[in-house]
Amino acid sequence: MQVLWELKEVNVKQIIEQMEEPKPAYNMVSTIVRILETKEFVSYKSEGRGYLYFPIIQKSAYSNQRLHKLMNGYFEGSS
């Protein structure tokens, strides 16, 4: 998600280029992006034979959602 927020629109190859060594396999990154799409964090548009992915959730909204999930799962909703 960090790469998507920084670069706005990227393909899987560009995501991998931004990652540190050792770089993950193309298929692994592609699978993660598709999971993010099913969770409605990311969307895509066609570009040639591939896709450009872009975030559809703001970083602050994503952070809040993850924090609430942690609170509910680990602390049973109690702060």
Protein backbone atom coordinates (compact mmCIF):
# COMPACT_ATOMS: atom_id res chain seq x y z
CA MET A 1 0.00 0.00 0.00
CA GLN A 2 2.87 2.39 0.75
CA VAL A 3 4.12 2.17 -2.84
CA LEU A 4 0.61 2.72 -4.19
CA TRP A 5 0.09 5.79 -2.01
CA GLU A 6 3.46 7.22 -3.04
CA LEU A 7 3.33 6.56 -6.79
CA LYS A 8 -0.48 6.78 -7.29
CA GLU A 9 -0.67 4.38 -10.29
CA VAL A 10 1.69 1.45 -10.79
CA ASN A 11 1.91 -1.98 -12.32
CA VAL A 12 3.22 -5.02 -10.45
CA LYS A 13 6.70 -4.65 -11.94
CA GLN A 14 6.95 -1.06 -10.67
CA ILE A 15 5.85 -2.16 -7.19
CA ILE A 16 8.61 -4.78 -7.13
CA GLU A 17 11.20 -2.21 -8.28
CA GLN A 18 10.40 -0.09 -5.19
CA MET A 19 10.90 -2.99 -2.77
CA GLU A 20 14.11 -3.82 -0.96
CA GLU A 21 16.30 -6.83 -1.68
CA PRO A 22 15.62 -9.68 -1.75
CA LYS A 23 12.81 -8.79 -4.11
CA PRO A 24 9.71 -11.00 -3.89
CA ALA A 25 8.47 -13.05 -6.83
CA TYR A 26 6.18 -11.36 -9.35
CA ASN A 27 3.39 -13.86 -8.63
CA MET A 28 3.52 -13.15 -4.90
CA VAL A 29 3.15 -9.39 -5.37
CA SER A 30 0.42 -9.91 -7.97
CA THR A 31 -1.51 -12.13 -5.55
CA ILE A 32 -1.22 -9.58 -2.74
CA VAL A 33 -2.46 -6.79 -5.02
CA ARG A 34 -5.45 -8.92 -6.04
CA ILE A 35 -6.24 -9.57 -2.36
CA LEU A 36 -6.11 -5.81 -1.71
CA GLU A 37 -8.48 -5.38 -4.64
CA THR A 38 -11.00 -7.88 -3.21
CA LYS A 39 -10.85 -5.98 0.10
CA GLU A 40 -11.62 -2.80 -1.87
CA PHE A 41 -8.38 -1.04 -0.94
CA VAL A 42 -7.09 -1.03 -4.53
CA SER A 43 -8.63 -0.82 -7.98
CA TYR A 44 -7.16 -1.11 -11.47
CA LYS A 45 -7.47 -0.06 -15.06
CA SER A 46 -6.21 -1.76 -18.19
CA GLU A 47 -2.98 -0.62 -19.77
CA GLY A 48 -1.84 -2.58 -22.81
CA ARG A 49 -1.66 -6.25 -21.85
CA GLY A 50 -1.48 -5.48 -18.12
CA TYR A 51 -3.05 -3.38 -15.42
CA LEU A 52 -2.29 -0.21 -13.52
CA TYR A 53 -3.24 -0.40 -9.86
CA PHE A 54 -4.18 2.57 -7.71
CA PRO A 55 -5.38 3.04 -4.12
CA ILE A 56 -9.07 3.73 -3.56
CA ILE A 57 -8.73 4.17 0.18
CA GLN A 58 -6.87 7.03 1.81
CA LYS A 59 -3.92 6.23 4.04
CA SER A 60 -5.65 7.70 7.13
CA ALA A 61 -8.82 5.65 6.56
CA TYR A 62 -6.74 2.50 6.04
CA SER A 63 -4.78 3.16 9.24
CA ASN A 64 -7.98 3.71 11.24
CA GLN A 65 -9.50 0.51 9.89
CA ARG A 66 -6.38 -1.53 10.77
CA LEU A 67 -6.28 0.00 14.27
CA HIS A 68 -9.93 -0.85 14.91
CA LYS A 69 -9.35 -4.41 13.73
CA LEU A 70 -6.41 -4.72 16.13
CA MET A 71 -8.41 -3.27 19.02
CA ASN A 72 -11.37 -5.56 18.39
CA GLY A 73 -9.27 -8.67 17.81
CA TYR A 74 -6.61 -8.30 20.46
CA PHE A 75 -8.24 -6.15 23.12
CA GLU A 76 -11.85 -7.20 22.48
CA GLY A 77 -12.77 -3.61 21.64
CA SER A 78 -11.56 -2.15 24.93
CA SER A 79 -8.97 0.61 24.88
